């Protein structure tokens, strides 16, 4: 009697960092929980989940957005944290995405209206958030890109209404509002205070 051998799908984890993959393979892959996975230039990038002083203010922003959604379901169509965003052949893992002004539920894989990143420690992380992701997100049609920086105590908003991008820096005591979410305000000082409740890790050498 022939023996049937069941072929199990490969589960990718931190040991898989650097694996060559196509976008199709990434989209269909199974990943071990507890890590962040991205596809950059055809290679699998694996990194730890964000620290508490990034996750907590992110959750607070999500809470404020859902309160807004309860009163404006026609304006805010969805918001998710730790969401994979398709950037041409790459796959970025965004801290938070927001869909607004669609008048419907966002479709799977649809480009977000707003993307929010909370800056991690280190020179490399800053370059990635302020330069690389800015170029990528605006290139795929993201209307606003927010960078919440607990180190500089600022919110930087990038837009690209034409061929060149625009930058606006919001300081800690200021409130940011956008026409994309009429009536919603981003209380930067409050979000930074939430981040400050958690101790900073020991500095790493880049």
N, C-alpha and C. Protein backbone atom coordinates (compact mmCIF):
# COMPACT_ATOMS: atom_id res chain seq x y z
N UNK A 1 0.85 -1.20 0.00
CA UNK A 1 0.00 0.00 0.00
C UNK A 1 0.88 1.25 0.00
N UNK A 2 0.62 2.13 -0.93
CA UNK A 2 1.44 3.33 -1.06
C UNK A 2 1.23 4.28 0.12
N UNK A 3 2.28 4.90 0.57
CA UNK A 3 2.20 5.87 1.66
C UNK A 3 2.07 7.27 1.09
N UNK A 4 1.09 7.99 1.56
CA UNK A 4 0.86 9.36 1.10
C UNK A 4 1.62 10.31 2.01
N UNK A 5 2.51 11.05 1.44
CA UNK A 5 3.28 12.02 2.22
C UNK A 5 2.67 13.40 2.04
N UNK A 6 2.26 13.98 3.15
CA UNK A 6 1.63 15.31 3.10
C UNK A 6 2.72 16.38 3.12
N UNK A 7 2.68 17.23 2.15
CA UNK A 7 3.65 18.32 2.07
C UNK A 7 3.14 19.53 2.85
N UNK A 8 3.89 19.90 3.88
CA UNK A 8 3.49 21.03 4.71
C UNK A 8 4.05 22.34 4.16
N UNK A 9 3.24 23.37 4.26
CA UNK A 9 3.68 24.69 3.80
C UNK A 9 4.79 25.20 4.71
N UNK A 10 5.77 25.83 4.14
CA UNK A 10 6.88 26.39 4.91
C UNK A 10 6.40 27.62 5.67
N UNK A 11 6.75 27.68 6.93
CA UNK A 11 6.42 28.84 7.75
C UNK A 11 7.70 29.65 7.93
N UNK A 12 7.68 30.91 7.52
CA UNK A 12 8.85 31.78 7.60
C UNK A 12 8.90 32.45 8.98
N UNK A 13 10.10 32.59 9.50
CA UNK A 13 10.30 33.21 10.80
C UNK A 13 11.57 34.04 10.81
N UNK A 14 12.07 34.40 12.00
CA UNK A 14 13.27 35.24 12.06
C UNK A 14 14.49 34.60 11.40
N UNK A 15 14.53 33.27 11.36
CA UNK A 15 15.63 32.56 10.71
C UNK A 15 15.60 32.71 9.20
N UNK A 16 14.48 33.22 8.67
CA UNK A 16 14.31 33.33 7.22
C UNK A 16 14.75 34.67 6.66
N UNK A 17 15.26 35.55 7.51
CA UNK A 17 15.67 36.88 7.05
C UNK A 17 16.66 36.76 5.90
N UNK A 18 16.44 37.56 4.87
CA UNK A 18 17.33 37.54 3.71
C UNK A 18 16.89 36.60 2.61
N UNK A 19 15.84 35.83 2.85
CA UNK A 19 15.35 34.89 1.84
C UNK A 19 14.88 35.65 0.59
N UNK A 20 15.26 35.17 -0.56
CA UNK A 20 14.81 35.78 -1.82
C UNK A 20 13.37 35.34 -2.07
N UNK A 21 12.49 36.31 -2.38
CA UNK A 21 11.08 36.01 -2.60
C UNK A 21 10.54 36.93 -3.68
N UNK A 22 9.51 36.48 -4.34
CA UNK A 22 8.75 37.33 -5.26
C UNK A 22 7.59 37.94 -4.48
N UNK A 23 6.99 39.04 -4.98
CA UNK A 23 5.82 39.59 -4.30
C UNK A 23 4.70 38.56 -4.15
N UNK A 24 4.50 37.72 -5.15
CA UNK A 24 3.46 36.70 -5.09
C UNK A 24 3.74 35.69 -3.97
N UNK A 25 5.01 35.29 -3.86
CA UNK A 25 5.38 34.35 -2.79
C UNK A 25 5.18 34.98 -1.42
N UNK A 26 5.54 36.24 -1.28
CA UNK A 26 5.35 36.93 0.00
C UNK A 26 3.88 37.01 0.37
N UNK A 27 3.06 37.38 -0.60
CA UNK A 27 1.63 37.55 -0.33
C UNK A 27 0.96 36.24 0.08
N UNK A 28 1.50 35.12 -0.35
CA UNK A 28 0.90 33.82 -0.06
C UNK A 28 1.58 33.09 1.10
N UNK A 29 2.66 33.66 1.61
CA UNK A 29 3.47 32.97 2.62
C UNK A 29 2.79 32.97 3.99
N UNK A 30 3.17 31.99 4.80
CA UNK A 30 2.78 31.94 6.20
C UNK A 30 3.97 32.38 7.05
N UNK A 31 3.70 33.22 8.06
CA UNK A 31 4.77 33.77 8.87
C UNK A 31 4.57 33.46 10.34
N UNK A 32 5.66 33.22 11.02
CA UNK A 32 5.64 33.00 12.46
C UNK A 32 5.25 34.31 13.16
N UNK A 33 4.34 34.24 14.10
CA UNK A 33 3.88 35.43 14.80
C UNK A 33 4.96 35.97 15.74
N UNK A 34 4.81 37.26 16.07
CA UNK A 34 5.74 37.89 17.00
C UNK A 34 6.87 38.66 16.34
N UNK A 35 6.83 38.76 15.00
CA UNK A 35 7.84 39.49 14.25
C UNK A 35 7.17 40.29 13.14
N UNK A 36 7.90 41.27 12.61
CA UNK A 36 7.42 42.06 11.48
C UNK A 36 8.13 41.56 10.21
N UNK A 37 7.37 41.45 9.14
CA UNK A 37 7.92 40.93 7.89
C UNK A 37 7.66 41.93 6.77
N UNK A 38 8.72 42.21 6.01
CA UNK A 38 8.63 43.10 4.86
C UNK A 38 9.38 42.48 3.69
N UNK A 39 9.01 42.90 2.50
CA UNK A 39 9.72 42.48 1.29
C UNK A 39 10.32 43.72 0.66
N UNK A 40 11.63 43.82 0.70
CA UNK A 40 12.32 44.99 0.18
C UNK A 40 13.37 44.53 -0.83
N UNK A 41 13.22 45.00 -2.07
CA UNK A 41 14.15 44.65 -3.15
C UNK A 41 14.31 43.14 -3.30
N UNK A 42 13.18 42.44 -3.15
CA UNK A 42 13.18 41.01 -3.39
C UNK A 42 13.70 40.16 -2.25
N UNK A 43 13.99 40.75 -1.11
CA UNK A 43 14.48 40.00 0.05
C UNK A 43 13.54 40.16 1.23
N UNK A 44 13.40 39.09 2.00
CA UNK A 44 12.57 39.11 3.20
C UNK A 44 13.31 39.80 4.33
N UNK A 45 12.70 40.84 4.87
CA UNK A 45 13.27 41.58 5.99
C UNK A 45 12.45 41.25 7.25
N UNK A 46 13.13 40.81 8.29
CA UNK A 46 12.46 40.43 9.53
C UNK A 46 12.97 41.33 10.65
N UNK A 47 12.06 41.90 11.42
CA UNK A 47 12.44 42.78 12.53
C UNK A 47 11.51 42.55 13.71
N UNK A 48 11.95 42.92 14.91
CA UNK A 48 11.10 42.74 16.09
C UNK A 48 9.87 43.63 16.01
N UNK A 49 8.84 43.28 16.77
CA UNK A 49 7.66 44.14 16.84
C UNK A 49 8.04 45.44 17.53
N UNK A 50 7.31 46.54 17.28
CA UNK A 50 7.65 47.83 17.90
C UNK A 50 7.64 47.75 19.42
N UNK A 51 8.39 48.65 20.04
CA UNK A 51 8.45 48.72 21.49
C UNK A 51 7.16 49.29 22.07
N UNK A 52 7.04 49.19 23.40
CA UNK A 52 5.84 49.68 24.07
C UNK A 52 5.62 51.17 23.84
N UNK A 53 6.71 51.95 23.82
CA UNK A 53 6.54 53.40 23.65
C UNK A 53 6.25 53.79 22.21
N UNK A 54 6.11 52.79 21.33
CA UNK A 54 5.57 53.01 19.98
C UNK A 54 4.18 52.41 19.86
N UNK A 55 4.00 51.22 20.44
CA UNK A 55 2.70 50.54 20.33
C UNK A 55 1.62 51.26 21.12
N UNK A 56 1.95 51.75 22.31
CA UNK A 56 0.93 52.36 23.16
C UNK A 56 0.34 53.65 22.54
N UNK A 57 1.16 54.61 22.11
CA UNK A 57 0.57 55.78 21.45
C UNK A 57 -0.14 55.44 20.14
N UNK A 58 0.32 54.38 19.47
CA UNK A 58 -0.36 53.93 18.26
C UNK A 58 -1.76 53.44 18.60
N UNK A 59 -1.88 52.65 19.67
CA UNK A 59 -3.20 52.19 20.10
C UNK A 59 -4.08 53.36 20.52
N UNK A 60 -3.48 54.36 21.18
CA UNK A 60 -4.26 55.52 21.60
C UNK A 60 -4.77 56.30 20.40
N UNK A 61 -3.94 56.46 19.37
CA UNK A 61 -4.39 57.12 18.16
C UNK A 61 -5.52 56.32 17.51
N UNK A 62 -5.40 55.00 17.51
CA UNK A 62 -6.48 54.17 16.98
C UNK A 62 -7.76 54.34 17.76
N UNK A 63 -7.64 54.45 19.07
CA UNK A 63 -8.82 54.67 19.92
C UNK A 63 -9.51 55.99 19.57
N UNK A 64 -8.72 57.04 19.40
CA UNK A 64 -9.29 58.35 19.06
C UNK A 64 -9.94 58.32 17.67
N UNK A 65 -9.33 57.60 16.76
CA UNK A 65 -9.90 57.49 15.42
C UNK A 65 -11.23 56.73 15.44
N UNK A 66 -11.33 55.71 16.26
CA UNK A 66 -12.58 54.94 16.32
C UNK A 66 -13.69 55.73 16.99
N UNK A 67 -13.34 56.57 17.94
CA UNK A 67 -14.35 57.48 18.50
C UNK A 67 -14.86 58.42 17.42
N UNK A 68 -13.94 58.93 16.61
CA UNK A 68 -14.32 59.80 15.49
C UNK A 68 -15.19 59.04 14.50
N UNK A 69 -14.85 57.78 14.23
CA UNK A 69 -15.60 56.96 13.28
C UNK A 69 -17.04 56.76 13.73
N UNK A 70 -17.26 56.63 15.04
CA UNK A 70 -18.61 56.42 15.54
C UNK A 70 -19.54 57.57 15.16
N UNK A 71 -18.98 58.77 15.05
CA UNK A 71 -19.77 59.95 14.71
C UNK A 71 -19.66 60.32 13.23
N UNK A 72 -18.66 59.79 12.55
CA UNK A 72 -18.44 60.14 11.14
C UNK A 72 -18.12 58.89 10.31
N UNK A 73 -18.99 57.90 10.30
CA UNK A 73 -18.71 56.66 9.56
C UNK A 73 -18.60 56.87 8.05
N UNK A 74 -19.16 57.97 7.56
CA UNK A 74 -19.07 58.26 6.13
C UNK A 74 -17.74 58.90 5.75
N UNK A 75 -17.01 59.43 6.75
CA UNK A 75 -15.75 60.12 6.48
C UNK A 75 -14.53 59.23 6.73
N UNK A 76 -14.58 58.48 7.84
CA UNK A 76 -13.50 57.55 8.14
C UNK A 76 -13.98 56.15 7.78
N UNK A 77 -13.32 55.53 6.82
CA UNK A 77 -13.78 54.23 6.31
C UNK A 77 -13.04 53.04 6.89
N UNK A 78 -11.94 53.27 7.60
CA UNK A 78 -11.22 52.18 8.22
C UNK A 78 -9.85 52.59 8.70
N UNK A 79 -9.38 51.93 9.77
CA UNK A 79 -8.02 52.15 10.25
C UNK A 79 -7.52 50.85 10.87
N UNK A 80 -6.27 50.49 10.57
CA UNK A 80 -5.66 49.27 11.07
C UNK A 80 -4.22 49.55 11.48
N UNK A 81 -3.75 48.80 12.48
CA UNK A 81 -2.35 48.90 12.86
C UNK A 81 -1.59 47.70 12.32
N UNK A 82 -0.26 47.83 12.20
CA UNK A 82 0.59 46.75 11.70
C UNK A 82 0.04 46.16 10.41
N UNK A 83 -0.13 47.02 9.42
CA UNK A 83 -0.73 46.63 8.16
C UNK A 83 0.33 46.57 7.05
N UNK A 84 0.30 45.50 6.26
CA UNK A 84 1.20 45.40 5.12
C UNK A 84 0.68 46.26 3.97
N UNK A 85 1.55 47.10 3.43
CA UNK A 85 1.19 48.01 2.34
C UNK A 85 1.97 47.63 1.09
N UNK A 86 1.28 47.47 -0.02
CA UNK A 86 1.93 47.16 -1.28
C UNK A 86 2.56 48.42 -1.86
N UNK A 87 3.87 48.38 -2.04
CA UNK A 87 4.61 49.50 -2.64
C UNK A 87 5.29 48.96 -3.90
N UNK A 88 4.53 48.95 -4.99
CA UNK A 88 4.99 48.35 -6.24
C UNK A 88 5.38 46.88 -5.96
N UNK A 89 6.64 46.49 -6.16
CA UNK A 89 7.04 45.10 -5.90
C UNK A 89 7.50 44.86 -4.47
N UNK A 90 7.53 45.90 -3.65
CA UNK A 90 7.90 45.77 -2.26
C UNK A 90 6.66 45.66 -1.38
N UNK A 91 6.88 45.24 -0.14
CA UNK A 91 5.81 45.16 0.86
C UNK A 91 6.32 45.78 2.14
N UNK A 92 5.74 46.92 2.53
CA UNK A 92 6.11 47.60 3.75
C UNK A 92 5.12 47.27 4.86
N UNK A 93 5.60 47.26 6.09
CA UNK A 93 4.74 47.04 7.26
C UNK A 93 4.56 48.38 7.94
N UNK A 94 3.40 48.98 7.79
CA UNK A 94 3.13 50.31 8.34
C UNK A 94 2.59 50.22 9.76
N UNK A 95 2.96 51.17 10.61
CA UNK A 95 2.47 51.19 11.98
C UNK A 95 0.95 51.36 12.02
N UNK A 96 0.44 52.27 11.21
CA UNK A 96 -1.01 52.47 11.14
C UNK A 96 -1.39 53.00 9.77
N UNK A 97 -2.50 52.50 9.25
CA UNK A 97 -3.04 53.01 7.99
C UNK A 97 -4.45 53.51 8.22
N UNK A 98 -4.86 54.49 7.42
CA UNK A 98 -6.18 55.10 7.53
C UNK A 98 -6.76 55.26 6.13
N UNK A 99 -8.00 54.81 5.96
CA UNK A 99 -8.73 55.06 4.72
C UNK A 99 -9.82 56.07 5.00
N UNK A 100 -9.90 57.11 4.21
CA UNK A 100 -10.88 58.17 4.44
C UNK A 100 -11.43 58.68 3.12
N UNK A 101 -12.69 59.11 3.17
CA UNK A 101 -13.31 59.74 2.01
C UNK A 101 -13.70 58.79 0.90
N UNK A 102 -13.69 57.49 1.15
CA UNK A 102 -14.05 56.53 0.11
C UNK A 102 -15.56 56.36 0.00
N UNK A 103 -16.25 56.53 1.13
CA UNK A 103 -17.70 56.31 1.14
C UNK A 103 -18.07 54.84 1.13
N UNK A 104 -17.09 53.97 1.44
CA UNK A 104 -17.32 52.53 1.41
C UNK A 104 -16.20 51.84 2.19
N UNK A 105 -16.35 50.54 2.38
CA UNK A 105 -15.30 49.75 3.01
C UNK A 105 -14.11 49.64 2.07
N UNK A 106 -12.89 49.87 2.55
CA UNK A 106 -11.74 49.74 1.65
C UNK A 106 -11.58 48.32 1.14
N UNK A 107 -11.11 48.22 -0.10
CA UNK A 107 -10.89 46.90 -0.71
C UNK A 107 -9.56 46.33 -0.23
N UNK A 108 -9.44 45.01 -0.31
CA UNK A 108 -8.21 44.36 0.09
C UNK A 108 -7.05 44.85 -0.77
N UNK A 109 -5.99 45.30 -0.12
CA UNK A 109 -4.82 45.78 -0.83
C UNK A 109 -4.92 47.20 -1.32
N UNK A 110 -6.03 47.89 -1.03
CA UNK A 110 -6.21 49.26 -1.51
C UNK A 110 -5.26 50.21 -0.79
N UNK A 111 -4.69 51.14 -1.55
CA UNK A 111 -3.75 52.10 -0.97
C UNK A 111 -4.43 52.95 0.09
N UNK A 112 -3.84 53.06 1.28
CA UNK A 112 -4.44 53.90 2.33
C UNK A 112 -4.43 55.38 1.95
N UNK A 113 -5.33 56.13 2.55
CA UNK A 113 -5.36 57.57 2.37
C UNK A 113 -4.25 58.24 3.18
N UNK A 114 -4.05 57.74 4.39
CA UNK A 114 -3.04 58.26 5.31
C UNK A 114 -2.25 57.07 5.87
N UNK A 115 -0.94 57.23 5.99
CA UNK A 115 -0.12 56.24 6.68
C UNK A 115 0.61 56.95 7.82
N UNK A 116 0.66 56.27 8.97
CA UNK A 116 1.29 56.83 10.16
C UNK A 116 2.44 55.91 10.59
N UNK A 117 3.60 56.51 10.84
CA UNK A 117 4.73 55.76 11.38
C UNK A 117 5.20 56.43 12.68
N UNK A 118 5.54 55.61 13.66
CA UNK A 118 6.11 56.07 14.93
C UNK A 118 7.60 55.76 14.88
N UNK A 119 8.43 56.79 14.98
CA UNK A 119 9.86 56.64 14.77
C UNK A 119 10.50 55.75 15.83
N UNK A 120 11.33 54.82 15.38
CA UNK A 120 12.11 53.98 16.28
C UNK A 120 13.48 54.62 16.52
N UNK A 121 14.16 54.13 17.55
CA UNK A 121 15.48 54.67 17.87
C UNK A 121 16.50 54.25 16.81
N UNK A 122 17.48 55.09 16.60
CA UNK A 122 18.57 54.73 15.69
C UNK A 122 18.57 55.54 14.41
N UNK A 123 19.77 55.82 13.92
CA UNK A 123 19.94 56.60 12.69
C UNK A 123 19.32 55.90 11.49
N UNK A 124 19.48 54.58 11.42
CA UNK A 124 18.94 53.83 10.29
C UNK A 124 17.42 53.90 10.24
N UNK A 125 16.78 53.81 11.41
CA UNK A 125 15.33 53.88 11.48
C UNK A 125 14.83 55.25 11.05
N UNK A 126 15.54 56.29 11.43
CA UNK A 126 15.13 57.65 11.06
C UNK A 126 15.23 57.85 9.55
N UNK A 127 16.31 57.36 8.96
CA UNK A 127 16.46 57.48 7.51
C UNK A 127 15.35 56.73 6.79
N UNK A 128 15.02 55.55 7.29
CA UNK A 128 13.96 54.75 6.67
C UNK A 128 12.62 55.47 6.72
N UNK A 129 12.28 56.03 7.91
CA UNK A 129 10.99 56.68 8.07
C UNK A 129 10.89 58.02 7.35
N UNK A 130 11.93 58.84 7.47
CA UNK A 130 11.88 60.19 6.93
C UNK A 130 12.20 60.28 5.44
N UNK A 131 12.93 59.33 4.92
CA UNK A 131 13.34 59.42 3.52
C UNK A 131 12.77 58.29 2.66
N UNK A 132 13.13 57.05 2.99
CA UNK A 132 12.73 55.94 2.14
C UNK A 132 11.21 55.77 2.09
N UNK A 133 10.58 55.68 3.24
CA UNK A 133 9.13 55.47 3.27
C UNK A 133 8.39 56.68 2.72
N UNK A 134 8.91 57.87 2.95
CA UNK A 134 8.29 59.07 2.39
C UNK A 134 8.18 58.96 0.88
N UNK A 135 9.31 58.61 0.24
CA UNK A 135 9.33 58.49 -1.21
C UNK A 135 8.37 57.40 -1.68
N UNK A 136 8.40 56.27 -1.00
CA UNK A 136 7.60 55.12 -1.42
C UNK A 136 6.10 55.38 -1.24
N UNK A 137 5.71 55.85 -0.07
CA UNK A 137 4.29 56.04 0.22
C UNK A 137 3.67 57.11 -0.68
N UNK A 138 4.37 58.20 -0.85
CA UNK A 138 3.81 59.26 -1.70
C UNK A 138 3.76 58.83 -3.16
N UNK A 139 4.69 57.96 -3.57
CA UNK A 139 4.73 57.50 -4.96
C UNK A 139 3.53 56.61 -5.30
N UNK A 140 2.96 55.92 -4.31
CA UNK A 140 1.83 55.03 -4.59
C UNK A 140 0.48 55.72 -4.39
N UNK A 141 0.51 57.03 -4.07
CA UNK A 141 -0.74 57.78 -3.98
C UNK A 141 -1.26 58.01 -2.58
N UNK A 142 -0.47 57.72 -1.55
CA UNK A 142 -0.88 58.07 -0.19
C UNK A 142 -0.98 59.59 -0.11
N UNK A 143 -2.11 60.10 0.39
CA UNK A 143 -2.34 61.54 0.36
C UNK A 143 -1.62 62.28 1.47
N UNK A 144 -1.47 61.64 2.63
CA UNK A 144 -0.70 62.23 3.71
C UNK A 144 0.09 61.15 4.42
N UNK A 145 1.30 61.47 4.77
CA UNK A 145 2.17 60.56 5.52
C UNK A 145 2.57 61.27 6.81
N UNK A 146 2.18 60.68 7.94
CA UNK A 146 2.46 61.27 9.25
C UNK A 146 3.61 60.52 9.91
N UNK A 147 4.58 61.28 10.44
CA UNK A 147 5.68 60.69 11.21
C UNK A 147 5.62 61.27 12.61
N UNK A 148 5.33 60.43 13.59
CA UNK A 148 5.28 60.87 14.98
C UNK A 148 6.60 60.49 15.63
N UNK A 149 7.34 61.50 16.04
CA UNK A 149 8.72 61.34 16.49
C UNK A 149 8.81 61.72 17.97
N UNK A 150 8.92 60.72 18.84
CA UNK A 150 8.97 61.00 20.28
C UNK A 150 10.32 61.56 20.70
N UNK A 151 11.33 61.42 19.85
CA UNK A 151 12.66 61.93 20.16
C UNK A 151 12.75 63.43 19.86
N UNK A 152 12.22 63.84 18.71
CA UNK A 152 12.21 65.25 18.33
C UNK A 152 10.98 65.97 18.87
N UNK A 153 10.01 65.21 19.40
CA UNK A 153 8.76 65.76 19.94
C UNK A 153 7.97 66.49 18.86
N UNK A 154 7.87 65.87 17.71
CA UNK A 154 7.20 66.49 16.57
C UNK A 154 6.32 65.49 15.83
N UNK A 155 5.40 66.06 15.05
CA UNK A 155 4.65 65.32 14.04
C UNK A 155 4.98 65.97 12.71
N UNK A 156 5.54 65.21 11.80
CA UNK A 156 5.86 65.72 10.47
C UNK A 156 4.86 65.15 9.48
N UNK A 157 4.25 66.03 8.70
CA UNK A 157 3.25 65.61 7.72
C UNK A 157 3.80 65.88 6.33
N UNK A 158 3.82 64.84 5.51
CA UNK A 158 4.26 64.97 4.12
C UNK A 158 3.06 64.80 3.19
N UNK A 159 3.01 65.65 2.17
CA UNK A 159 2.01 65.55 1.12
C UNK A 159 2.71 65.71 -0.22
N UNK A 160 2.07 65.28 -1.29
CA UNK A 160 2.63 65.45 -2.63
C UNK A 160 1.51 65.85 -3.59
N UNK A 161 1.09 67.12 -3.52
CA UNK A 161 0.01 67.56 -4.40
C UNK A 161 0.41 67.66 -5.86
N UNK A 162 1.71 67.79 -6.12
CA UNK A 162 2.20 67.88 -7.50
C UNK A 162 3.41 67.00 -7.69
N UNK A 163 4.42 67.50 -8.37
CA UNK A 163 5.63 66.71 -8.62
C UNK A 163 6.55 66.69 -7.42
N UNK A 164 6.49 67.70 -6.57
CA UNK A 164 7.35 67.76 -5.39
C UNK A 164 6.51 67.63 -4.12
N UNK A 165 7.12 67.14 -3.05
CA UNK A 165 6.38 66.95 -1.81
C UNK A 165 6.42 68.20 -0.96
N UNK A 166 5.43 68.32 -0.08
CA UNK A 166 5.35 69.40 0.90
C UNK A 166 5.53 68.82 2.29
N UNK A 167 6.19 69.56 3.17
CA UNK A 167 6.42 69.11 4.54
C UNK A 167 5.91 70.15 5.52
N UNK A 168 5.23 69.68 6.54
CA UNK A 168 4.78 70.55 7.62
C UNK A 168 5.15 69.90 8.95
N UNK A 169 5.79 70.66 9.82
CA UNK A 169 6.21 70.12 11.11
C UNK A 169 5.33 70.71 12.21
N UNK A 170 4.70 69.81 12.97
CA UNK A 170 3.84 70.18 14.08
C UNK A 170 4.61 69.97 15.38
N UNK A 171 4.70 71.00 16.21
CA UNK A 171 5.43 70.88 17.46
C UNK A 171 4.53 70.33 18.56
N UNK A 172 5.17 69.95 19.66
CA UNK A 172 4.51 69.19 20.71
C UNK A 172 3.23 69.83 21.23
N UNK A 173 3.22 71.11 21.42
CA UNK A 173 2.06 71.78 22.01
C UNK A 173 1.00 72.15 20.97
N UNK A 174 1.23 71.81 19.71
CA UNK A 174 0.29 72.15 18.66
C UNK A 174 -0.65 70.99 18.37
N UNK A 175 -1.77 71.31 17.75
CA UNK A 175 -2.77 70.34 17.34
C UNK A 175 -2.80 70.29 15.82
N UNK A 176 -2.82 69.10 15.25
CA UNK A 176 -2.88 68.99 13.80
C UNK A 176 -4.27 68.54 13.36
N UNK A 177 -4.78 69.19 12.32
CA UNK A 177 -6.04 68.78 11.71
C UNK A 177 -5.85 68.73 10.21
N UNK A 178 -6.66 67.92 9.54
CA UNK A 178 -6.55 67.73 8.10
C UNK A 178 -7.92 67.71 7.46
N UNK A 179 -7.99 68.21 6.25
CA UNK A 179 -9.25 68.20 5.49
C UNK A 179 -9.70 66.78 5.16
N UNK A 180 -8.79 65.83 5.24
CA UNK A 180 -9.15 64.44 4.95
C UNK A 180 -10.04 63.84 6.03
N UNK A 181 -9.94 64.38 7.25
CA UNK A 181 -10.77 63.94 8.38
C UNK A 181 -11.36 65.17 9.06
N UNK A 182 -12.36 65.79 8.46
CA UNK A 182 -12.92 67.04 9.00
C UNK A 182 -13.37 66.87 10.45
N UNK A 183 -12.87 67.76 11.30
CA UNK A 183 -13.26 67.74 12.70
C UNK A 183 -12.37 66.89 13.59
N UNK A 184 -11.48 66.12 13.00
CA UNK A 184 -10.57 65.29 13.81
C UNK A 184 -9.29 66.06 14.08
N UNK A 185 -8.80 65.96 15.32
CA UNK A 185 -7.57 66.62 15.70
C UNK A 185 -6.58 65.60 16.26
N UNK A 186 -5.32 65.74 15.89
CA UNK A 186 -4.27 64.87 16.41
C UNK A 186 -3.62 65.56 17.60
N UNK A 187 -3.89 65.10 18.83
CA UNK A 187 -3.32 65.74 20.02
C UNK A 187 -1.90 65.23 20.27
N UNK A 188 -0.93 65.86 19.65
CA UNK A 188 0.44 65.36 19.68
C UNK A 188 0.97 65.26 21.11
N UNK A 189 0.75 66.29 21.93
CA UNK A 189 1.27 66.25 23.31
C UNK A 189 0.73 65.05 24.07
N UNK A 190 -0.53 64.73 23.85
CA UNK A 190 -1.15 63.60 24.52
C UNK A 190 -0.51 62.28 24.07
N UNK A 191 -0.29 62.12 22.78
CA UNK A 191 0.32 60.90 22.26
C UNK A 191 1.75 60.74 22.75
N UNK A 192 2.48 61.85 22.83
CA UNK A 192 3.84 61.79 23.34
C UNK A 192 3.86 61.45 24.83
N UNK A 193 2.87 61.96 25.57
CA UNK A 193 2.78 61.63 26.99
C UNK A 193 2.51 60.14 27.19
N UNK A 194 1.71 59.56 26.31
CA UNK A 194 1.46 58.12 26.37
C UNK A 194 2.76 57.35 26.11
N UNK A 195 3.53 57.81 25.14
CA UNK A 195 4.82 57.15 24.85
C UNK A 195 5.78 57.28 26.03
N UNK A 196 5.74 58.42 26.70
CA UNK A 196 6.68 58.69 27.80
C UNK A 196 6.44 57.82 29.02
N UNK A 197 5.29 57.17 29.08
CA UNK A 197 5.01 56.31 30.23
C UNK A 197 5.90 55.08 30.26
N UNK A 198 6.52 54.77 29.11
CA UNK A 198 7.36 53.58 29.01
C UNK A 198 8.83 53.98 28.97
N UNK A 199 9.69 53.24 29.65
CA UNK A 199 11.12 53.58 29.65
C UNK A 199 11.75 53.34 28.28
N UNK A 200 12.73 54.16 27.97
CA UNK A 200 13.45 53.99 26.72
C UNK A 200 14.45 52.84 26.86
N UNK A 201 14.63 52.05 25.81
CA UNK A 201 15.63 50.97 25.87
C UNK A 201 17.04 51.52 25.85
N UNK A 202 17.98 50.67 26.16
CA UNK A 202 19.38 51.06 26.06
C UNK A 202 19.71 51.40 24.61
N UNK A 203 20.44 52.49 24.38
CA UNK A 203 20.76 52.87 22.99
C UNK A 203 21.58 51.81 22.28
N UNK A 204 21.26 51.63 20.98
CA UNK A 204 22.00 50.68 20.16
C UNK A 204 22.98 51.41 19.27
N UNK A 205 24.06 50.75 18.92
CA UNK A 205 25.05 51.34 18.02
C UNK A 205 24.66 51.01 16.59
N UNK A 206 24.44 52.05 15.76
CA UNK A 206 24.04 51.81 14.36
C UNK A 206 25.22 51.28 13.55
